Amino acid sequence: MALKSSNKKHKFFFRLISILLLIGILFLLYWFVYGNFWKINSIEIVDAKHTDVELLKTDVYNISQTKKFLIIPNNHILFLSKKQIMDHIMNTYPSVENVVVDKTKDRDIIINIKDRMPMGVWCDENCFFFDDEGILFKKSFDFTGAVFTTWTTVASSSLKFYDKTLCLDICVDKKFVGFLSKNRIKKVSMSGDDFKMDTEYGFYIKSLNNASTTMRNLSLFNNEYKGDLKALEYVDVRFGDKIFYK
C-alpha cells in the first residue's frame, strides 16, 4: 500500500511540474510575442528631401499596427518586415529612388531615403519635377525659371507619376540644362523639332532640338550682341552658325 501511495505522489508531482512548466512556457511565449520589451520604440526617416516625412512615418506606423496571421503583432522589432516597408515606400512614393531600412538594438526603425533630384519641371495639365532620367516624381507649380526651367510640348498627352518626359533626353542633358539656367531660360516650349525658349529678360529664342548647336550659336550671340537684352523681341539660332535677332 505504501508503494502505491508513493507512486501516486510521484505522478501527482510530475503532473504538477509539467503543468507549471507548460504555464511557464506559455507565459514566456506570450511575453516574447506581446511583451513591451519587443515593441518598436521609434521610427526615424533620414535624408529625405522631396518625400513627405510625416506622411511616411504615419504609413510605417500603420503597417506596424497590423497583425500577421491575425495574432502576431507587426510592431514587434523582430517580426516587422523590412521588405514590406521598402516595397510600400517604393510603390507609394515616386520621389524615392532608393530606400534602406535598418533595425537597431534599441528597437528603432531607421529608414534611409535616397530621393530623386530634380533636373527641371515638366508641365502639361499638371506640373511635375523630373529627375536626371526624365522620370516624373513630384508635383510642382509652374516655375518662372528662377530655380528650374519649365518644359512643355504642344498637344502632348497627359503624363503622371513615373512617366518619362517627352523632351527626347535633351532636358536631362546636364550641360545643356546648366547652360539654360546660365542664360536665364525660364521656359522651353517644344513643337516637333522647333524649340521656343522664353527668357527672364522678356525676349524668346527660336532653336532646334539640338543641344550643341543651340549652345554654340547662343554663345556666339552673347559675344556679338552688346545692346539691351530687354529691348529684344527674339533671337533665332536655328540656321547653322547664322544668328538672327530683332
C-alpha atoms as a PDB file:
ATOM      1  CA  MET A   1       0.000   0.000   0.000  1.00  0.00           C
ATOM      2  CA  ALA A   2       2.878   2.343   0.862  1.00  0.00           C
ATOM      3  CA  LEU A   3       4.421   1.730  -2.555  1.00  0.00           C
ATOM      4  CA  LYS A   4       1.182   2.585  -4.405  1.00  0.00           C
ATOM      5  CA  SER A   5       0.789   5.727  -2.326  1.00  0.00           C
ATOM      6  CA  SER A   6       4.372   6.753  -3.199  1.00  0.00           C
ATOM      7  CA  ASN A   7       3.749   6.186  -6.911  1.00  0.00           C
ATOM      8  CA  LYS A   8       0.602   8.331  -6.787  1.00  0.00           C
ATOM      9  CA  LYS A   9       2.561  11.119  -5.117  1.00  0.00           C
ATOM     10  CA  HIS A  10       5.282  10.900  -7.785  1.00  0.00           C
ATOM     11  CA  LYS A  11       2.702  11.044 -10.560  1.00  0.00           C
ATOM     12  CA  PHE A  12       0.964  13.989  -8.907  1.00  0.00           C
ATOM     13  CA  PHE A  13       4.223  15.942  -8.552  1.00  0.00           C
ATOM     14  CA  PHE A  14       5.205  15.058 -12.124  1.00  0.00           C
ATOM     15  CA  ARG A  15       1.877  16.309 -13.456  1.00  0.00           C
ATOM     16  CA  LEU A  16       2.111  19.445 -11.317  1.00  0.00           C
ATOM     17  CA  ILE A  17       5.628  20.191 -12.546  1.00  0.00           C
ATOM     18  CA  SER A  18       4.527  19.510 -16.129  1.00  0.00           C
ATOM     19  CA  ILE A  19       1.573  21.901 -15.780  1.00  0.00           C
ATOM     20  CA  LEU A  20       3.759  24.580 -14.184  1.00  0.00           C
ATOM     21  CA  LEU A  21       6.383  24.115 -16.901  1.00  0.00           C
ATOM     22  CA  LEU A  22       3.719  24.394 -19.610  1.00  0.00           C
ATOM     23  CA  ILE A  23       2.325  27.536 -17.965  1.00  0.00           C
ATOM     24  CA  GLY A  24       5.856  28.947 -17.808  1.00  0.00           C
ATOM     25  CA  ILE A  25       6.471  28.184 -21.482  1.00  0.00           C
ATOM     26  CA  LEU A  26       3.140  29.753 -22.464  1.00  0.00           C
ATOM     27  CA  PHE A  27       3.882  32.811 -20.336  1.00  0.00           C
ATOM     28  CA  LEU A  28       7.360  33.106 -21.880  1.00  0.00           C
ATOM     29  CA  LEU A  29       5.889  32.715 -25.367  1.00  0.00           C
ATOM     30  CA  TYR A  30       3.257  35.368 -24.629  1.00  0.00           C
ATOM     31  CA  TRP A  31       5.945  37.708 -23.288  1.00  0.00           C
ATOM     32  CA  PHE A  32       8.109  37.110 -26.357  1.00  0.00           C
ATOM     33  CA  VAL A  33       5.253  37.820 -28.774  1.00  0.00           C
ATOM     34  CA  TYR A  34       3.353  40.570 -26.941  1.00  0.00           C
ATOM     35  CA  GLY A  35       5.762  41.964 -24.357  1.00  0.00           C
ATOM     36  CA  ASN A  36       6.577  45.686 -24.401  1.00  0.00           C
ATOM     37  CA  PHE A  37      10.270  44.810 -24.385  1.00  0.00           C
ATOM     38  CA  TRP A  38       9.996  43.857 -28.080  1.00  0.00           C
ATOM     39  CA  LYS A  39       7.806  46.701 -29.298  1.00  0.00           C
ATOM     40  CA  ILE A  40       9.195  49.233 -31.772  1.00  0.00           C
ATOM     41  CA  ASN A  41      10.487  52.262 -29.935  1.00  0.00           C
ATOM     42  CA  SER A  42      10.621  54.878 -32.710  1.00  0.00           C
ATOM     43  CA  ILE A  43      10.566  55.429 -36.472  1.00  0.00           C
ATOM     44  CA  GLU A  44      13.152  57.768 -37.984  1.00  0.00           C
ATOM     45  CA  ILE A  45      13.335  58.981 -41.599  1.00  0.00           C
ATOM     46  CA  VAL A  46      16.802  60.036 -42.775  1.00  0.00           C
ATOM     47  CA  ASP A  47      17.951  62.134 -45.778  1.00  0.00           C
ATOM     48  CA  ALA A  48      14.515  62.657 -47.350  1.00  0.00           C
ATOM     49  CA  LYS A  49      14.484  65.885 -49.380  1.00  0.00           C
ATOM     50  CA  HIS A  50      11.387  65.574 -51.557  1.00  0.00           C
ATOM     51  CA  THR A  51       9.380  62.965 -49.654  1.00  0.00           C
ATOM     52  CA  ASP A  52       6.702  63.856 -47.087  1.00  0.00           C
ATOM     53  CA  VAL A  53       8.391  62.583 -43.913  1.00  0.00           C
ATOM     54  CA  GLU A  54       5.377  62.868 -41.612  1.00  0.00           C
ATOM     55  CA  LEU A  55       3.127  61.043 -44.067  1.00  0.00           C
ATOM     56  CA  LEU A  56       5.729  58.315 -44.490  1.00  0.00           C
ATOM     57  CA  LYS A  57       6.041  57.909 -40.710  1.00  0.00           C
ATOM     58  CA  THR A  58       2.271  57.528 -40.496  1.00  0.00           C
ATOM     59  CA  ASP A  59       2.342  54.869 -43.203  1.00  0.00           C
ATOM     60  CA  VAL A  60       5.057  52.875 -41.434  1.00  0.00           C
ATOM     61  CA  TYR A  61       3.230  53.231 -38.106  1.00  0.00           C
ATOM     62  CA  ASN A  62       0.030  51.920 -39.699  1.00  0.00           C
ATOM     63  CA  ILE A  63       1.957  48.956 -41.121  1.00  0.00           C
ATOM     64  CA  SER A  64       3.320  48.253 -37.632  1.00  0.00           C
ATOM     65  CA  GLN A  65      -0.205  48.163 -36.179  1.00  0.00           C
ATOM     66  CA  THR A  66      -1.335  45.301 -38.403  1.00  0.00           C
ATOM     67  CA  LYS A  67      -1.027  41.615 -37.451  1.00  0.00           C
ATOM     68  CA  LYS A  68       0.393  38.564 -39.172  1.00  0.00           C
ATOM     69  CA  PHE A  69      -1.988  35.605 -39.282  1.00  0.00           C
ATOM     70  CA  LEU A  70      -4.411  37.750 -37.229  1.00  0.00           C
ATOM     71  CA  ILE A  71      -2.435  37.182 -33.997  1.00  0.00           C
ATOM     72  CA  ILE A  72       1.242  38.113 -34.415  1.00  0.00           C
ATOM     73  CA  PRO A  73       1.804  41.878 -33.960  1.00  0.00           C
ATOM     74  CA  ASN A  74       3.724  43.743 -36.635  1.00  0.00           C
ATOM     75  CA  ASN A  75       5.050  46.250 -34.101  1.00  0.00           C
ATOM     76  CA  HIS A  76       7.433  43.562 -32.844  1.00  0.00           C
ATOM     77  CA  ILE A  77      11.009  44.560 -33.696  1.00  0.00           C
ATOM     78  CA  LEU A  78      11.778  41.012 -34.860  1.00  0.00           C
ATOM     79  CA  PHE A  79       8.565  40.397 -36.777  1.00  0.00           C
ATOM     80  CA  LEU A  80       8.246  43.688 -38.644  1.00  0.00           C
ATOM     81  CA  SER A  81       9.232  43.021 -42.252  1.00  0.00           C
ATOM     82  CA  LYS A  82      11.813  45.406 -43.682  1.00  0.00           C
ATOM     83  CA  LYS A  83      10.887  44.216 -47.165  1.00  0.00           C
ATOM     84  CA  GLN A  84       7.233  45.097 -46.571  1.00  0.00           C
ATOM     85  CA  ILE A  85       8.215  48.648 -45.616  1.00  0.00           C
ATOM     86  CA  MET A  86      10.591  49.055 -48.566  1.00  0.00           C
ATOM     87  CA  ASP A  87       8.046  47.684 -51.047  1.00  0.00           C
ATOM     88  CA  HIS A  88       5.378  50.035 -49.709  1.00  0.00           C
ATOM     89  CA  ILE A  89       7.667  53.066 -49.977  1.00  0.00           C
ATOM     90  CA  MET A  90       8.860  52.248 -53.491  1.00  0.00           C
ATOM     91  CA  ASN A  91       5.291  51.610 -54.688  1.00  0.00           C
ATOM     92  CA  THR A  92       3.760  54.647 -52.961  1.00  0.00           C
ATOM     93  CA  TYR A  93       6.338  57.455 -53.136  1.00  0.00           C
ATOM     94  CA  PRO A  94       7.541  58.290 -56.678  1.00  0.00           C
ATOM     95  CA  SER A  95      10.042  60.763 -55.198  1.00  0.00           C
ATOM     96  CA  VAL A  96      12.073  57.893 -53.687  1.00  0.00           C
ATOM     97  CA  GLU A  97      14.826  56.481 -55.879  1.00  0.00           C
ATOM     98  CA  ASN A  98      16.112  54.007 -53.305  1.00  0.00           C
ATOM     99  CA  VAL A  99      15.440  53.071 -49.665  1.00  0.00           C
ATOM    100  CA  VAL A 100      17.221  51.090 -46.961  1.00  0.00           C
ATOM    101  CA  VAL A 101      15.507  50.024 -43.728  1.00  0.00           C
ATOM    102  CA  ASP A 102      17.524  49.175 -40.602  1.00  0.00           C
ATOM    103  CA  LYS A 103      16.579  47.983 -37.123  1.00  0.00           C
ATOM    104  CA  THR A 104      18.708  48.969 -34.108  1.00  0.00           C
ATOM    105  CA  LYS A 105      19.302  47.210 -30.796  1.00  0.00           C
ATOM    106  CA  ASP A 106      17.259  49.992 -29.166  1.00  0.00           C
ATOM    107  CA  ARG A 107      14.234  48.861 -31.226  1.00  0.00           C
ATOM    108  CA  ASP A 108      14.355  51.873 -33.526  1.00  0.00           C
ATOM    109  CA  ILE A 109      13.423  51.706 -37.212  1.00  0.00           C
ATOM    110  CA  ILE A 110      15.799  53.820 -39.332  1.00  0.00           C
ATOM    111  CA  ILE A 111      14.620  54.472 -42.887  1.00  0.00           C
ATOM    112  CA  ASN A 112      17.318  55.897 -45.159  1.00  0.00           C
ATOM    113  CA  ILE A 113      15.780  57.625 -48.170  1.00  0.00           C
ATOM    114  CA  LYS A 114      17.588  58.482 -51.384  1.00  0.00           C
ATOM    115  CA  ASP A 115      15.291  60.899 -53.174  1.00  0.00           C
ATOM    116  CA  ARG A 116      15.281  61.686 -56.851  1.00  0.00           C
ATOM    117  CA  MET A 117      16.902  65.048 -57.558  1.00  0.00           C
ATOM    118  CA  PRO A 118      15.050  67.488 -59.835  1.00  0.00           C
ATOM    119  CA  MET A 119      16.521  68.447 -63.202  1.00  0.00           C
ATOM    120  CA  GLY A 120      13.574  70.551 -64.289  1.00  0.00           C
ATOM    121  CA  VAL A 121       9.790  70.878 -64.364  1.00  0.00           C
ATOM    122  CA  TRP A 122       7.519  69.241 -66.913  1.00  0.00           C
ATOM    123  CA  CYS A 123       4.081  70.794 -67.473  1.00  0.00           C
ATOM    124  CA  ASP A 124       1.036  69.601 -69.392  1.00  0.00           C
ATOM    125  CA  GLU A 125      -2.266  69.649 -67.483  1.00  0.00           C
ATOM    126  CA  ASN A 126      -0.202  69.465 -64.287  1.00  0.00           C
ATOM    127  CA  CYS A 127       3.398  70.287 -63.464  1.00  0.00           C
ATOM    128  CA  PHE A 128       5.890  67.732 -62.148  1.00  0.00           C
ATOM    129  CA  PHE A 129       9.527  67.669 -61.146  1.00  0.00           C
ATOM    130  CA  PHE A 130      11.576  65.222 -63.220  1.00  0.00           C
ATOM    131  CA  ASP A 131      14.943  63.653 -62.372  1.00  0.00           C
ATOM    132  CA  ASP A 132      18.082  63.031 -64.458  1.00  0.00           C
ATOM    133  CA  GLU A 133      16.356  60.090 -66.160  1.00  0.00           C
ATOM    134  CA  GLY A 134      13.357  62.203 -67.109  1.00  0.00           C
ATOM    135  CA  ILE A 135      11.061  60.412 -64.622  1.00  0.00           C
ATOM    136  CA  LEU A 136       8.214  62.496 -63.183  1.00  0.00           C
ATOM    137  CA  PHE A 137       8.244  62.102 -59.416  1.00  0.00           C
ATOM    138  CA  LYS A 138       6.670  65.032 -57.581  1.00  0.00           C
ATOM    139  CA  LYS A 139       4.005  67.637 -58.272  1.00  0.00           C
ATOM    140  CA  SER A 140       5.250  71.171 -58.745  1.00  0.00           C
ATOM    141  CA  PHE A 141       3.952  74.553 -59.658  1.00  0.00           C
ATOM    142  CA  ASP A 142       4.907  76.226 -62.945  1.00  0.00           C
ATOM    143  CA  PHE A 143       8.281  77.773 -62.117  1.00  0.00           C
ATOM    144  CA  THR A 144       9.274  81.120 -63.543  1.00  0.00           C
ATOM    145  CA  GLY A 145      12.767  79.862 -64.337  1.00  0.00           C
ATOM    146  CA  ALA A 146      14.409  81.314 -61.234  1.00  0.00           C
ATOM    147  CA  VAL A 147      15.154  77.800 -59.981  1.00  0.00           C
ATOM    148  CA  PHE A 148      14.229  75.249 -62.661  1.00  0.00           C
ATOM    149  CA  THR A 149      13.478  75.520 -66.353  1.00  0.00           C
ATOM    150  CA  THR A 150       9.914  74.532 -67.237  1.00  0.00           C
ATOM    151  CA  TRP A 151       9.432  72.235 -70.245  1.00  0.00           C
ATOM    152  CA  THR A 152       6.244  71.724 -72.199  1.00  0.00           C
ATOM    153  CA  THR A 153       5.193  70.434 -75.605  1.00  0.00           C
ATOM    154  CA  VAL A 154       2.330  71.173 -77.968  1.00  0.00           C
ATOM    155  CA  ALA A 155      -0.598  68.705 -77.931  1.00  0.00           C
ATOM    156  CA  SER A 156       1.081  66.234 -75.573  1.00  0.00           C
ATOM    157  CA  SER A 157      -0.798  63.521 -73.757  1.00  0.00           C
ATOM    158  CA  SER A 158      -1.303  63.982 -70.038  1.00  0.00           C
ATOM    159  CA  LEU A 159       1.522  62.417 -68.052  1.00  0.00           C
ATOM    160  CA  LYS A 160       1.549  61.043 -64.497  1.00  0.00           C
ATOM    161  CA  PHE A 161       3.999  59.900 -61.812  1.00  0.00           C
ATOM    162  CA  TYR A 162       6.726  57.513 -63.051  1.00  0.00           C
ATOM    163  CA  ASP A 163       6.127  58.533 -66.695  1.00  0.00           C
ATOM    164  CA  LYS A 164       9.055  59.998 -68.613  1.00  0.00           C
ATOM    165  CA  THR A 165       9.200  63.447 -70.144  1.00  0.00           C
ATOM    166  CA  LEU A 166       8.711  63.877 -73.891  1.00  0.00           C
ATOM    167  CA  CYS A 167      11.761  66.062 -74.480  1.00  0.00           C
ATOM    168  CA  LEU A 168      13.842  63.356 -76.225  1.00  0.00           C
ATOM    169  CA  ASP A 169      16.525  63.398 -73.494  1.00  0.00           C
ATOM    170  CA  ILE A 170      17.684  66.948 -74.198  1.00  0.00           C
ATOM    171  CA  CYS A 171      16.088  68.157 -70.949  1.00  0.00           C
ATOM    172  CA  VAL A 172      18.230  65.724 -68.907  1.00  0.00           C
ATOM    173  CA  ASP A 173      21.493  66.767 -70.561  1.00  0.00           C
ATOM    174  CA  LYS A 174      23.185  68.288 -67.500  1.00  0.00           C
ATOM    175  CA  LYS A 175      25.481  70.506 -69.546  1.00  0.00           C
ATOM    176  CA  PHE A 176      22.568  71.844 -71.584  1.00  0.00           C
ATOM    177  CA  VAL A 177      20.341  72.333 -68.526  1.00  0.00           C
ATOM    178  CA  GLY A 178      23.138  74.274 -66.851  1.00  0.00           C
ATOM    179  CA  PHE A 179      23.533  76.372 -69.997  1.00  0.00           C
ATOM    180  CA  LEU A 180      19.812  77.194 -69.983  1.00  0.00           C
ATOM    181  CA  SER A 181      19.984  78.273 -66.364  1.00  0.00           C
ATOM    182  CA  LYS A 182      23.032  80.441 -67.026  1.00  0.00           C
ATOM    183  CA  ASN A 183      21.198  82.146 -69.898  1.00  0.00           C
ATOM    184  CA  ARG A 184      18.075  82.742 -67.794  1.00  0.00           C
ATOM    185  CA  ILE A 185      15.814  80.449 -69.837  1.00  0.00           C
ATOM    186  CA  LYS A 186      12.638  80.113 -67.795  1.00  0.00           C
ATOM    187  CA  LYS A 187      10.535  78.022 -70.179  1.00  0.00           C
ATOM    188  CA  VAL A 188      11.054  75.752 -73.192  1.00  0.00           C
ATOM    189  CA  SER A 189       8.060  75.022 -75.458  1.00  0.00           C
ATOM    190  CA  MET A 190       8.526  72.222 -77.986  1.00  0.00           C
ATOM    191  CA  SER A 191       6.682  71.705 -81.267  1.00  0.00           C
ATOM    192  CA  GLY A 192       8.251  68.909 -83.279  1.00  0.00           C
ATOM    193  CA  ASP A 193      11.930  69.836 -83.704  1.00  0.00           C
ATOM    194  CA  ASP A 194      11.288  73.546 -83.038  1.00  0.00           C
ATOM    195  CA  PHE A 195      12.025  74.996 -79.611  1.00  0.00           C
ATOM    196  CA  LYS A 196      10.740  78.319 -78.297  1.00  0.00           C
ATOM    197  CA  MET A 197      12.721  79.354 -75.222  1.00  0.00           C
ATOM    198  CA  ASP A 198      11.369  82.191 -73.099  1.00  0.00           C
ATOM    199  CA  THR A 199      13.936  84.212 -71.191  1.00  0.00           C
ATOM    200  CA  GLU A 200      13.636  86.199 -67.996  1.00  0.00           C
ATOM    201  CA  TYR A 201      14.567  89.307 -69.987  1.00  0.00           C
ATOM    202  CA  GLY A 202      11.296  89.179 -71.948  1.00  0.00           C
ATOM    203  CA  PHE A 203      12.557  88.040 -75.374  1.00  0.00           C
ATOM    204  CA  TYR A 204      12.349  84.477 -76.696  1.00  0.00           C
ATOM    205  CA  ILE A 205      14.793  82.267 -78.568  1.00  0.00           C
ATOM    206  CA  LYS A 206      13.992  80.094 -81.590  1.00  0.00           C
ATOM    207  CA  SER A 207      16.130  76.969 -81.720  1.00  0.00           C
ATOM    208  CA  LEU A 208      16.118  73.347 -82.844  1.00  0.00           C
ATOM    209  CA  ASN A 209      16.149  70.174 -80.789  1.00  0.00           C
ATOM    210  CA  ASN A 210      19.937  70.091 -80.834  1.00  0.00           C
ATOM    211  CA  ALA A 211      21.839  70.949 -77.676  1.00  0.00           C
ATOM    212  CA  SER A 212      25.315  71.503 -79.160  1.00  0.00           C
ATOM    213  CA  THR A 213      24.098  73.764 -81.986  1.00  0.00           C
ATOM    214  CA  THR A 214      21.895  75.788 -79.668  1.00  0.00           C
ATOM    215  CA  MET A 215      24.684  76.306 -77.120  1.00  0.00           C
ATOM    216  CA  ARG A 216      27.242  77.231 -79.798  1.00  0.00           C
ATOM    217  CA  ASN A 217      25.017  79.737 -81.592  1.00  0.00           C
ATOM    218  CA  LEU A 218      23.641  81.293 -78.440  1.00  0.00           C
ATOM    219  CA  SER A 219      27.210  81.724 -77.168  1.00  0.00           C
ATOM    220  CA  LEU A 220      28.070  83.450 -80.460  1.00  0.00           C
ATOM    221  CA  PHE A 221      25.072  85.748 -79.986  1.00  0.00           C
ATOM    222  CA  ASN A 222      26.116  86.587 -76.409  1.00  0.00           C
ATOM    223  CA  ASN A 223      29.583  87.539 -77.656  1.00  0.00           C
ATOM    224  CA  GLU A 224      28.231  89.586 -80.568  1.00  0.00           C
ATOM    225  CA  TYR A 225      25.235  91.428 -79.094  1.00  0.00           C
ATOM    226  CA  LYS A 226      26.106  94.324 -76.795  1.00  0.00           C
ATOM    227  CA  GLY A 227      22.712  96.038 -76.611  1.00  0.00           C
ATOM    228  CA  ASP A 228      19.969  95.962 -74.016  1.00  0.00           C
ATOM    229  CA  LEU A 229      18.582  92.424 -73.741  1.00  0.00           C
ATOM    230  CA  LYS A 230      15.245  93.745 -72.546  1.00  0.00           C
ATOM    231  CA  ALA A 231      14.838  95.605 -75.866  1.00  0.00           C
ATOM    232  CA  LEU A 232      14.943  92.381 -77.907  1.00  0.00           C
ATOM    233  CA  GLU A 233      11.868  90.647 -79.306  1.00  0.00           C
ATOM    234  CA  TYR A 234      13.502  87.362 -80.312  1.00  0.00           C
ATOM    235  CA  VAL A 235      16.762  85.624 -81.221  1.00  0.00           C
ATOM    236  CA  ASP A 236      16.829  82.893 -83.899  1.00  0.00           C
ATOM    237  CA  VAL A 237      19.698  80.376 -83.675  1.00  0.00           C
ATOM    238  CA  ARG A 238      18.250  77.631 -85.908  1.00  0.00           C
ATOM    239  CA  PHE A 239      20.388  78.133 -89.003  1.00  0.00           C
ATOM    240  CA  GLY A 240      23.933  76.789 -88.833  1.00  0.00           C
ATOM    241  CA  ASP A 241      26.195  79.473 -87.404  1.00  0.00           C
ATOM    242  CA  LYS A 242      23.959  82.308 -88.599  1.00  0.00           C
ATOM    243  CA  ILE A 243      22.127  84.243 -85.909  1.00  0.00           C
ATOM    244  CA  PHE A 244      19.144  86.499 -86.434  1.00  0.00           C
ATOM    245  CA  TYR A 245      17.624  88.776 -83.872  1.00  0.00           C
ATOM    246  CA  LYS A 246      15.161  91.649 -83.696  1.00  0.00           C
END
